[in-house]
């Protein structure tokens, strides 16, 4: 009947978008580096999760509700069984079980450093500042990669890694760390 709306217009739209979505997901699976993050909200009484997976060229958004909406099943479904790139994540435990190479999101680490700077004891302030400085230096170095020779870039990267190892070692020498700095240390150490 002309003028009559489809009983489920969102389903009709989803059906029309599926071929494009499948192409985007396949392109993402071929990426060398994929960043993933998720955020939740409530729809009535039900929890919903928006996941974003992105490479330099491809974003894929997924909304899931119900059981498994925030589990490892979502990135497994999006990345597929043959993904062999790096997955950059924030530390959500759901990512830990994935058998892919992982890195930690520098933005999340910097945000944690900023929050910790506001609450850390005066004794721990230098440790927090040192990690924040290392992260910013690494980000800056990555942005200048094309300006440096491969040897120069490698040397600078190794210097930063050595200082990160020194930072981790110095935390082990502390008689005790605050619970907050200990959690940050564990987070960095787990993704070293």
N, C-alpha and C. Protein backbone atom coordinates (compact mmCIF):
# COMPACT_ATOMS: atom_id res chain seq x y z
N UNK A 1 0.83 -1.16 0.00
CA UNK A 1 0.00 0.00 0.00
C UNK A 1 0.88 1.24 0.00
N UNK A 2 0.75 2.15 -0.95
CA UNK A 2 1.58 3.35 -0.99
C UNK A 2 1.37 4.19 0.26
N UNK A 3 2.47 4.78 0.74
CA UNK A 3 2.39 5.65 1.90
C UNK A 3 2.40 4.93 3.23
N UNK A 4 2.29 3.61 3.21
CA UNK A 4 2.27 2.86 4.46
C UNK A 4 3.69 2.60 4.93
N UNK A 5 3.96 2.85 6.19
CA UNK A 5 5.29 2.65 6.74
C UNK A 5 5.54 1.17 7.00
N UNK A 6 6.78 0.78 6.80
CA UNK A 6 7.21 -0.57 7.14
C UNK A 6 7.02 -0.75 8.64
N UNK A 7 6.54 -1.89 9.11
CA UNK A 7 6.26 -2.06 10.53
C UNK A 7 7.52 -1.90 11.39
N UNK A 8 8.70 -2.17 10.86
CA UNK A 8 9.94 -2.01 11.61
C UNK A 8 10.94 -1.26 10.74
N UNK A 9 10.83 0.07 10.67
CA UNK A 9 11.70 0.83 9.77
C UNK A 9 13.18 0.68 10.12
N UNK A 10 13.49 0.52 11.41
CA UNK A 10 14.90 0.35 11.77
C UNK A 10 15.46 -0.96 11.22
N UNK A 11 14.63 -1.99 11.13
CA UNK A 11 15.08 -3.26 10.56
C UNK A 11 15.29 -3.12 9.06
N UNK A 12 14.41 -2.40 8.41
CA UNK A 12 14.55 -2.18 6.98
C UNK A 12 15.84 -1.41 6.68
N UNK A 13 16.12 -0.40 7.49
CA UNK A 13 17.35 0.37 7.34
C UNK A 13 18.57 -0.52 7.60
N UNK A 14 18.50 -1.36 8.62
CA UNK A 14 19.60 -2.28 8.92
C UNK A 14 19.84 -3.23 7.75
N UNK A 15 18.78 -3.73 7.16
CA UNK A 15 18.91 -4.64 6.02
C UNK A 15 19.58 -3.94 4.82
N UNK A 16 19.21 -2.68 4.60
CA UNK A 16 19.80 -1.93 3.50
C UNK A 16 21.28 -1.63 3.76
N UNK A 17 21.65 -1.41 5.01
CA UNK A 17 23.03 -1.05 5.36
C UNK A 17 23.96 -2.26 5.50
N UNK A 18 23.40 -3.44 5.63
CA UNK A 18 24.22 -4.64 5.91
C UNK A 18 25.36 -4.87 4.91
N UNK A 19 25.15 -4.77 3.60
CA UNK A 19 26.29 -4.98 2.69
C UNK A 19 27.45 -4.00 2.93
N UNK A 20 27.13 -2.75 3.20
CA UNK A 20 28.17 -1.76 3.49
C UNK A 20 28.85 -2.08 4.82
N UNK A 21 28.06 -2.43 5.81
CA UNK A 21 28.61 -2.81 7.12
C UNK A 21 29.56 -3.99 6.99
N UNK A 22 29.17 -5.00 6.22
CA UNK A 22 30.03 -6.18 6.03
C UNK A 22 31.34 -5.81 5.35
N UNK A 23 31.30 -4.88 4.38
CA UNK A 23 32.52 -4.43 3.72
C UNK A 23 33.43 -3.68 4.70
N UNK A 24 32.84 -2.82 5.53
CA UNK A 24 33.62 -2.07 6.52
C UNK A 24 34.26 -3.02 7.53
N UNK A 25 33.50 -4.00 7.98
CA UNK A 25 34.03 -4.96 8.95
C UNK A 25 35.18 -5.76 8.33
N UNK A 26 35.04 -6.16 7.09
CA UNK A 26 36.12 -6.91 6.42
C UNK A 26 37.36 -6.03 6.25
N UNK A 27 37.19 -4.76 5.90
CA UNK A 27 38.33 -3.85 5.77
C UNK A 27 39.01 -3.66 7.12
N UNK A 28 38.23 -3.55 8.18
CA UNK A 28 38.79 -3.40 9.53
C UNK A 28 39.63 -4.62 9.90
N UNK A 29 39.16 -5.79 9.56
CA UNK A 29 39.87 -7.03 9.87
C UNK A 29 41.23 -7.11 9.19
N UNK A 30 41.41 -6.36 8.10
CA UNK A 30 42.69 -6.34 7.38
C UNK A 30 43.64 -5.27 7.91
N UNK A 31 43.20 -4.47 8.86
CA UNK A 31 44.00 -3.36 9.37
C UNK A 31 45.13 -3.86 10.26
N UNK A 32 46.22 -3.10 10.26
CA UNK A 32 47.38 -3.44 11.10
C UNK A 32 47.12 -3.06 12.56
N UNK A 33 46.45 -1.92 12.78
CA UNK A 33 46.15 -1.45 14.13
C UNK A 33 44.68 -1.09 14.20
N UNK A 34 44.00 -1.62 15.21
CA UNK A 34 42.58 -1.31 15.45
C UNK A 34 42.44 -0.83 16.89
N UNK A 35 41.77 0.29 17.06
CA UNK A 35 41.46 0.81 18.39
C UNK A 35 40.03 0.40 18.72
N UNK A 36 39.81 0.02 19.97
CA UNK A 36 38.46 -0.37 20.39
C UNK A 36 38.11 0.31 21.70
N UNK A 37 36.86 0.68 21.83
CA UNK A 37 36.36 1.25 23.08
C UNK A 37 34.86 1.01 23.12
N UNK A 38 34.31 1.15 24.29
CA UNK A 38 32.88 0.89 24.48
C UNK A 38 32.34 1.83 25.56
N UNK A 39 31.06 2.09 25.46
CA UNK A 39 30.40 2.89 26.48
C UNK A 39 28.98 2.38 26.64
N UNK A 40 28.46 2.50 27.83
CA UNK A 40 27.13 1.95 28.09
C UNK A 40 26.10 3.00 28.43
N UNK A 41 24.84 2.61 28.32
CA UNK A 41 23.72 3.44 28.74
C UNK A 41 22.52 2.52 28.93
N UNK A 42 21.46 3.06 29.47
CA UNK A 42 20.26 2.28 29.71
C UNK A 42 19.19 2.65 28.69
N UNK A 43 18.52 1.62 28.20
CA UNK A 43 17.37 1.80 27.34
C UNK A 43 16.21 1.18 28.11
N UNK A 44 15.42 2.05 28.73
CA UNK A 44 14.39 1.55 29.64
C UNK A 44 15.06 0.86 30.80
N UNK A 45 14.80 -0.41 30.97
CA UNK A 45 15.42 -1.18 32.05
C UNK A 45 16.58 -2.05 31.56
N UNK A 46 16.90 -1.92 30.29
CA UNK A 46 17.91 -2.79 29.71
C UNK A 46 19.22 -2.03 29.48
N UNK A 47 20.35 -2.70 29.80
CA UNK A 47 21.66 -2.13 29.51
C UNK A 47 21.96 -2.27 28.03
N UNK A 48 22.57 -1.25 27.48
CA UNK A 48 23.00 -1.28 26.09
C UNK A 48 24.45 -0.81 26.03
N UNK A 49 25.19 -1.29 25.05
CA UNK A 49 26.59 -0.93 24.89
C UNK A 49 26.86 -0.53 23.46
N UNK A 50 27.51 0.62 23.31
CA UNK A 50 27.99 1.06 22.00
C UNK A 50 29.48 0.76 21.96
N UNK A 51 29.89 -0.02 21.01
CA UNK A 51 31.29 -0.35 20.78
C UNK A 51 31.74 0.38 19.52
N UNK A 52 32.97 0.87 19.53
CA UNK A 52 33.56 1.44 18.33
C UNK A 52 34.90 0.75 18.10
N UNK A 53 35.10 0.34 16.87
CA UNK A 53 36.35 -0.25 16.43
C UNK A 53 36.81 0.61 15.26
N UNK A 54 38.05 1.08 15.32
CA UNK A 54 38.49 1.96 14.23
C UNK A 54 39.97 1.75 13.91
N UNK A 55 40.25 1.89 12.62
CA UNK A 55 41.62 1.93 12.14
C UNK A 55 41.82 3.33 11.58
N UNK A 56 42.94 3.56 10.91
CA UNK A 56 43.15 4.88 10.31
C UNK A 56 42.06 5.22 9.29
N UNK A 57 41.55 4.20 8.61
CA UNK A 57 40.63 4.46 7.51
C UNK A 57 39.20 3.97 7.74
N UNK A 58 38.99 3.09 8.72
CA UNK A 58 37.69 2.43 8.83
C UNK A 58 37.14 2.49 10.25
N UNK A 59 35.94 3.04 10.43
CA UNK A 59 35.25 2.92 11.72
C UNK A 59 34.10 1.92 11.61
N UNK A 60 33.91 1.14 12.66
CA UNK A 60 32.76 0.24 12.74
C UNK A 60 32.13 0.43 14.10
N UNK A 61 30.84 0.72 14.11
CA UNK A 61 30.09 0.90 15.35
C UNK A 61 29.14 -0.26 15.53
N UNK A 62 29.01 -0.72 16.78
CA UNK A 62 28.15 -1.85 17.08
C UNK A 62 27.38 -1.52 18.36
N UNK A 63 26.08 -1.76 18.34
CA UNK A 63 25.27 -1.62 19.55
C UNK A 63 24.79 -3.01 19.93
N UNK A 64 25.03 -3.37 21.18
CA UNK A 64 24.59 -4.68 21.68
C UNK A 64 23.83 -4.50 22.98
N UNK A 65 22.85 -5.37 23.17
CA UNK A 65 22.09 -5.39 24.42
C UNK A 65 22.03 -6.84 24.90
N UNK A 66 21.65 -6.99 26.14
CA UNK A 66 21.44 -8.33 26.68
C UNK A 66 22.74 -9.02 27.07
N UNK A 67 22.63 -10.32 27.27
CA UNK A 67 23.75 -11.13 27.70
C UNK A 67 24.87 -11.08 26.65
N UNK A 68 26.08 -10.87 27.11
CA UNK A 68 27.23 -10.81 26.21
C UNK A 68 27.45 -9.46 25.56
N UNK A 69 26.64 -8.47 25.92
CA UNK A 69 26.74 -7.16 25.28
C UNK A 69 28.06 -6.45 25.59
N UNK A 70 28.70 -6.82 26.69
CA UNK A 70 29.99 -6.21 27.05
C UNK A 70 31.05 -7.29 27.25
N UNK A 71 30.93 -8.36 26.52
CA UNK A 71 31.87 -9.48 26.69
C UNK A 71 32.84 -9.55 25.52
N UNK A 72 33.77 -10.47 25.62
CA UNK A 72 34.76 -10.70 24.57
C UNK A 72 34.12 -11.14 23.26
N UNK A 73 32.86 -11.58 23.31
CA UNK A 73 32.20 -12.04 22.10
C UNK A 73 32.05 -10.93 21.06
N UNK A 74 31.91 -9.69 21.54
CA UNK A 74 31.71 -8.59 20.59
C UNK A 74 32.98 -8.34 19.78
N UNK A 75 34.15 -8.12 20.40
CA UNK A 75 35.35 -7.93 19.57
C UNK A 75 35.70 -9.18 18.76
N UNK A 76 35.42 -10.36 19.28
CA UNK A 76 35.68 -11.58 18.51
C UNK A 76 34.83 -11.58 17.24
N UNK A 77 33.58 -11.18 17.36
CA UNK A 77 32.67 -11.13 16.21
C UNK A 77 33.13 -10.09 15.20
N UNK A 78 33.52 -8.93 15.67
CA UNK A 78 33.91 -7.85 14.76
C UNK A 78 35.25 -8.14 14.10
N UNK A 79 36.24 -8.59 14.86
CA UNK A 79 37.58 -8.80 14.31
C UNK A 79 37.73 -10.13 13.59
N UNK A 80 36.91 -11.10 13.93
CA UNK A 80 36.99 -12.40 13.29
C UNK A 80 38.14 -13.24 13.83
N UNK A 81 38.17 -14.51 13.48
CA UNK A 81 39.17 -15.43 14.04
C UNK A 81 40.57 -15.25 13.48
N UNK A 82 40.72 -14.58 12.34
CA UNK A 82 42.02 -14.49 11.69
C UNK A 82 42.70 -13.12 11.84
N UNK A 83 42.17 -12.26 12.70
CA UNK A 83 42.77 -10.93 12.88
C UNK A 83 44.20 -11.09 13.40
N UNK A 84 45.17 -10.49 12.70
CA UNK A 84 46.56 -10.62 13.15
C UNK A 84 47.24 -9.27 13.35
N UNK A 85 46.44 -8.23 13.52
CA UNK A 85 46.99 -6.91 13.80
C UNK A 85 47.08 -6.67 15.30
N UNK A 86 47.24 -5.42 15.65
CA UNK A 86 47.29 -5.00 17.05
C UNK A 86 45.95 -4.39 17.44
N UNK A 87 45.47 -4.75 18.61
CA UNK A 87 44.24 -4.20 19.14
C UNK A 87 44.61 -3.28 20.30
N UNK A 88 44.30 -1.99 20.18
CA UNK A 88 44.61 -1.00 21.21
C UNK A 88 43.34 -0.78 22.03
N UNK A 89 43.46 -1.03 23.35
CA UNK A 89 42.29 -1.03 24.22
C UNK A 89 42.57 -0.26 25.51
N UNK A 90 41.51 -0.09 26.30
CA UNK A 90 41.60 0.68 27.54
C UNK A 90 41.85 -0.16 28.79
N UNK A 91 41.80 -1.44 28.70
CA UNK A 91 42.04 -2.27 29.88
C UNK A 91 40.82 -3.03 30.35
N UNK A 92 39.69 -2.92 29.65
CA UNK A 92 38.51 -3.70 29.99
C UNK A 92 38.87 -5.18 29.96
N UNK A 93 38.51 -5.90 31.00
CA UNK A 93 38.88 -7.32 31.13
C UNK A 93 38.37 -8.17 29.96
N UNK A 94 37.30 -7.76 29.32
CA UNK A 94 36.76 -8.54 28.19
C UNK A 94 37.79 -8.71 27.07
N UNK A 95 38.71 -7.76 26.95
CA UNK A 95 39.72 -7.86 25.90
C UNK A 95 40.83 -8.84 26.25
N UNK A 96 41.05 -9.07 27.55
CA UNK A 96 42.19 -9.88 27.99
C UNK A 96 42.17 -11.30 27.43
N UNK A 97 41.01 -11.88 27.24
CA UNK A 97 40.93 -13.27 26.79
C UNK A 97 41.17 -13.42 25.29
N UNK A 98 41.17 -12.31 24.57
CA UNK A 98 41.37 -12.38 23.13
C UNK A 98 42.82 -12.75 22.82
N UNK A 99 43.01 -13.65 21.91
CA UNK A 99 44.35 -14.09 21.55
C UNK A 99 44.86 -13.28 20.36
N UNK A 100 45.00 -11.97 20.59
CA UNK A 100 45.56 -11.05 19.61
C UNK A 100 46.58 -10.19 20.32
N UNK A 101 47.49 -9.60 19.55
CA UNK A 101 48.46 -8.67 20.14
C UNK A 101 47.69 -7.42 20.58
N UNK A 102 47.96 -6.99 21.81
CA UNK A 102 47.23 -5.85 22.36
C UNK A 102 48.18 -4.75 22.83
N UNK A 103 47.71 -3.54 22.77
CA UNK A 103 48.39 -2.38 23.33
C UNK A 103 47.39 -1.62 24.16
N UNK A 104 47.88 -0.76 25.02
CA UNK A 104 47.00 0.06 25.86
C UNK A 104 46.86 1.45 25.25
N UNK A 105 45.71 2.01 25.40
CA UNK A 105 45.39 3.33 24.88
C UNK A 105 46.13 4.39 25.70
N UNK A 106 46.97 5.18 25.03
CA UNK A 106 47.72 6.23 25.71
C UNK A 106 46.79 7.29 26.31
N UNK A 107 45.69 7.57 25.64
CA UNK A 107 44.74 8.55 26.17
C UNK A 107 44.19 8.14 27.52
N UNK A 108 43.84 6.86 27.65
CA UNK A 108 43.32 6.37 28.93
C UNK A 108 44.41 6.43 30.01
N UNK A 109 45.64 6.06 29.64
CA UNK A 109 46.74 6.12 30.61
C UNK A 109 47.01 7.56 31.04
N UNK A 110 47.00 8.49 30.10
CA UNK A 110 47.23 9.90 30.45
C UNK A 110 46.11 10.43 31.35
N UNK A 111 44.88 10.02 31.08
CA UNK A 111 43.75 10.45 31.91
C UNK A 111 43.91 9.90 33.34
N UNK A 112 44.35 8.65 33.44
CA UNK A 112 44.57 8.06 34.77
C UNK A 112 45.69 8.80 35.50
N UNK A 113 46.75 9.17 34.77
CA UNK A 113 47.83 9.94 35.38
C UNK A 113 47.32 11.28 35.89
N UNK A 114 46.51 11.95 35.09
CA UNK A 114 45.96 13.25 35.50
C UNK A 114 45.12 13.11 36.76
N UNK A 115 44.26 12.09 36.80
CA UNK A 115 43.43 11.87 37.98
C UNK A 115 44.29 11.54 39.20
N UNK A 116 45.33 10.77 38.99
CA UNK A 116 46.20 10.37 40.09
C UNK A 116 47.05 11.55 40.58
N UNK A 117 47.43 12.43 39.67
CA UNK A 117 48.18 13.62 40.07
C UNK A 117 47.41 14.44 41.09
N UNK A 118 46.10 14.44 40.95
CA UNK A 118 45.25 15.23 41.85
C UNK A 118 45.11 14.59 43.23
N UNK A 119 45.39 13.28 43.34
CA UNK A 119 45.16 12.59 44.61
C UNK A 119 46.42 11.95 45.20
N UNK A 120 47.49 11.83 44.41
CA UNK A 120 48.69 11.13 44.88
C UNK A 120 49.37 11.90 46.01
N UNK A 121 50.04 11.16 46.85
CA UNK A 121 50.82 11.79 47.92
C UNK A 121 51.99 12.54 47.30
N UNK A 122 52.59 13.42 48.07
CA UNK A 122 53.73 14.19 47.57
C UNK A 122 54.89 13.26 47.22
N UNK A 123 55.00 12.11 47.90
CA UNK A 123 56.06 11.15 47.59
C UNK A 123 55.82 10.46 46.25
N UNK A 124 54.56 10.29 45.87
CA UNK A 124 54.24 9.59 44.62
C UNK A 124 54.07 10.53 43.43
N UNK A 125 53.99 11.82 43.68
CA UNK A 125 53.83 12.79 42.59
C UNK A 125 54.92 12.65 41.52
N UNK A 126 56.21 12.49 41.91
CA UNK A 126 57.24 12.35 40.86
C UNK A 126 57.05 11.11 39.99
N UNK A 127 56.57 10.01 40.57
CA UNK A 127 56.33 8.79 39.79
C UNK A 127 55.22 9.01 38.76
N UNK A 128 54.16 9.65 39.19
CA UNK A 128 53.04 9.92 38.28
C UNK A 128 53.48 10.87 37.17
N UNK A 129 54.21 11.93 37.54
CA UNK A 129 54.68 12.90 36.56
C UNK A 129 55.64 12.25 35.56
N UNK A 130 56.49 11.35 36.06
CA UNK A 130 57.45 10.68 35.17
C UNK A 130 56.74 9.82 34.14
N UNK A 131 55.71 9.07 34.55
CA UNK A 131 54.98 8.25 33.60
C UNK A 131 54.25 9.12 32.58
N UNK A 132 53.62 10.17 33.04
CA UNK A 132 52.92 11.08 32.14
C UNK A 132 53.89 11.67 31.12
N UNK A 133 55.05 12.06 31.57
CA UNK A 133 56.06 12.62 30.68
C UNK A 133 56.53 11.59 29.65
N UNK A 134 56.75 10.35 30.09
CA UNK A 134 57.14 9.29 29.17
C UNK A 134 56.09 9.05 28.09
N UNK A 135 54.83 9.02 28.49
CA UNK A 135 53.75 8.80 27.53
C UNK A 135 53.69 9.93 26.51
N UNK A 136 53.79 11.16 26.99
CA UNK A 136 53.74 12.32 26.08
C UNK A 136 54.94 12.32 25.13
N UNK A 137 56.09 11.94 25.65
CA UNK A 137 57.29 11.87 24.82
C UNK A 137 57.14 10.79 23.74
N UNK A 138 56.57 9.65 24.10
CA UNK A 138 56.36 8.57 23.14
C UNK A 138 55.36 9.00 22.06
N UNK A 139 54.31 9.67 22.45
CA UNK A 139 53.32 10.16 21.48
C UNK A 139 53.97 11.16 20.54
N UNK A 140 54.76 12.07 21.09
CA UNK A 140 55.46 13.07 20.28
C UNK A 140 56.41 12.38 19.31
N UNK A 141 57.16 11.38 19.79
CA UNK A 141 58.09 10.66 18.93
C UNK A 141 57.35 9.98 17.78
N UNK A 142 56.22 9.36 18.07
CA UNK A 142 55.44 8.71 17.01
C UNK A 142 55.00 9.71 15.95
N UNK A 143 54.66 10.92 16.39
CA UNK A 143 54.25 11.96 15.44
C UNK A 143 55.38 12.47 14.58
N UNK A 144 56.61 12.28 15.04
CA UNK A 144 57.78 12.75 14.28
C UNK A 144 58.50 11.62 13.55
N UNK A 145 57.90 10.48 13.49
CA UNK A 145 58.56 9.29 12.90
C UNK A 145 59.10 9.55 11.50
N UNK A 146 58.32 10.23 10.66
CA UNK A 146 58.74 10.47 9.28
C UNK A 146 59.89 11.47 9.18
N UNK A 147 60.12 12.25 10.22
CA UNK A 147 61.20 13.25 10.22
C UNK A 147 62.54 12.64 10.60
N UNK A 148 62.54 11.44 11.18
CA UNK A 148 63.75 10.82 11.70
C UNK A 148 64.20 9.66 10.82
N UNK A 149 65.47 9.35 10.89
CA UNK A 149 65.95 8.15 10.21
C UNK A 149 65.44 6.94 10.97
N UNK A 150 65.33 5.79 10.33
CA UNK A 150 64.91 4.60 11.08
C UNK A 150 65.80 4.33 12.30
N UNK A 151 67.10 4.51 12.14
CA UNK A 151 68.01 4.28 13.27
C UNK A 151 67.77 5.29 14.39
N UNK A 152 67.56 6.54 14.02
CA UNK A 152 67.30 7.59 15.02
C UNK A 152 65.99 7.35 15.74
N UNK A 153 64.98 6.96 14.98
CA UNK A 153 63.68 6.66 15.59
C UNK A 153 63.80 5.47 16.53
N UNK A 154 64.49 4.43 16.09
CA UNK A 154 64.67 3.24 16.92
C UNK A 154 65.43 3.56 18.20
N UNK A 155 66.47 4.38 18.08
CA UNK A 155 67.27 4.76 19.24
C UNK A 155 66.41 5.53 20.26
N UNK A 156 65.65 6.51 19.77
CA UNK A 156 64.79 7.31 20.67
C UNK A 156 63.70 6.42 21.30
N UNK A 157 63.14 5.52 20.50
CA UNK A 157 62.14 4.61 21.04
C UNK A 157 62.72 3.72 22.12
N UNK A 158 63.91 3.22 21.90
CA UNK A 158 64.57 2.37 22.89
C UNK A 158 64.87 3.14 24.17
N UNK A 159 65.26 4.40 24.05
CA UNK A 159 65.51 5.23 25.24
C UNK A 159 64.24 5.36 26.08
N UNK A 160 63.13 5.59 25.41
CA UNK A 160 61.85 5.73 26.13
C UNK A 160 61.48 4.40 26.78
N UNK A 161 61.66 3.30 26.05
CA UNK A 161 61.36 1.98 26.64
C UNK A 161 62.23 1.70 27.85
N UNK A 162 63.52 2.05 27.77
CA UNK A 162 64.42 1.84 28.91
C UNK A 162 63.97 2.65 30.12
N UNK A 163 63.54 3.88 29.88
CA UNK A 163 63.05 4.71 31.00
C UNK A 163 61.74 4.16 31.56
N UNK A 164 60.91 3.58 30.70
CA UNK A 164 59.69 2.94 31.19
C UNK A 164 60.04 1.74 32.07
N UNK A 165 61.00 0.94 31.63
CA UNK A 165 61.44 -0.19 32.45
C UNK A 165 62.00 0.29 33.79
N UNK A 166 62.75 1.40 33.77
CA UNK A 166 63.27 1.98 35.01
C UNK A 166 62.12 2.42 35.91
N UNK A 167 61.08 3.00 35.31
CA UNK A 167 59.91 3.45 36.08
C UNK A 167 59.25 2.26 36.76
N UNK A 168 59.05 1.19 36.02
CA UNK A 168 58.45 -0.02 36.59
C UNK A 168 59.33 -0.61 37.69
N UNK A 169 60.64 -0.65 37.47
CA UNK A 169 61.56 -1.20 38.47
C UNK A 169 61.57 -0.35 39.74
N UNK A 170 61.49 0.96 39.58
CA UNK A 170 61.51 1.83 40.77
C UNK A 170 60.25 1.62 41.62
N UNK A 171 59.14 1.28 40.99
CA UNK A 171 57.93 0.99 41.76
C UNK A 171 58.10 -0.27 42.59
N UNK A 172 58.83 -1.24 42.06
CA UNK A 172 59.07 -2.47 42.81
C UNK A 172 59.96 -2.23 44.03
N UNK A 173 60.81 -1.21 43.94
CA UNK A 173 61.71 -0.91 45.06
C UNK A 173 61.04 -0.11 46.17
N UNK A 174 59.85 0.41 45.90
CA UNK A 174 59.14 1.20 46.91
C UNK A 174 58.65 0.27 48.02
N UNK A 175 58.75 0.70 49.28
CA UNK A 175 58.26 -0.15 50.37
C UNK A 175 56.76 -0.44 50.23
N UNK A 176 56.02 0.54 49.76
CA UNK A 176 54.60 0.32 49.50
C UNK A 176 54.11 1.42 48.56
N UNK A 177 53.17 1.07 47.73
CA UNK A 177 52.54 2.02 46.82
C UNK A 177 51.10 2.21 47.27
N UNK A 178 50.57 3.38 47.01
CA UNK A 178 49.15 3.59 47.29
C UNK A 178 48.37 2.63 46.40
N UNK A 179 47.16 2.28 46.80
CA UNK A 179 46.35 1.38 45.95
C UNK A 179 46.17 1.94 44.53
N UNK A 180 46.02 3.27 44.42
CA UNK A 180 45.80 3.88 43.10
C UNK A 180 47.04 3.74 42.21
N UNK A 181 48.23 4.05 42.77
CA UNK A 181 49.46 3.93 41.99
C UNK A 181 49.77 2.46 41.71
N UNK A 182 49.44 1.60 42.63
CA UNK A 182 49.64 0.16 42.42
C UNK A 182 48.78 -0.33 41.25
N UNK A 183 47.52 0.13 41.16
CA UNK A 183 46.64 -0.26 40.04
C UNK A 183 47.20 0.26 38.71
N UNK A 184 47.70 1.51 38.72
CA UNK A 184 48.28 2.07 37.50
C UNK A 184 49.53 1.28 37.10
N UNK A 185 50.37 0.96 38.07
CA UNK A 185 51.56 0.15 37.81
C UNK A 185 51.16 -1.21 37.21
N UNK A 186 50.19 -1.87 37.82
CA UNK A 186 49.71 -3.16 37.30
C UNK A 186 49.22 -3.05 35.86
N UNK A 187 48.50 -1.97 35.59
CA UNK A 187 47.95 -1.74 34.24
C UNK A 187 49.08 -1.58 33.22
N UNK A 188 50.07 -0.77 33.57
CA UNK A 188 51.20 -0.55 32.66
C UNK A 188 52.01 -1.82 32.52
N UNK A 189 52.26 -2.49 33.64
CA UNK A 189 53.07 -3.70 33.65
C UNK A 189 52.40 -4.80 32.80
N UNK A 190 51.08 -4.91 32.89
CA UNK A 190 50.36 -5.95 32.15
C UNK A 190 50.46 -5.76 30.64
N UNK A 191 50.63 -4.52 30.20
CA UNK A 191 50.69 -4.28 28.76
C UNK A 191 52.10 -3.96 28.30
N UNK A 192 53.07 -4.11 29.16
CA UNK A 192 54.46 -3.80 28.80
C UNK A 192 54.89 -4.66 27.62
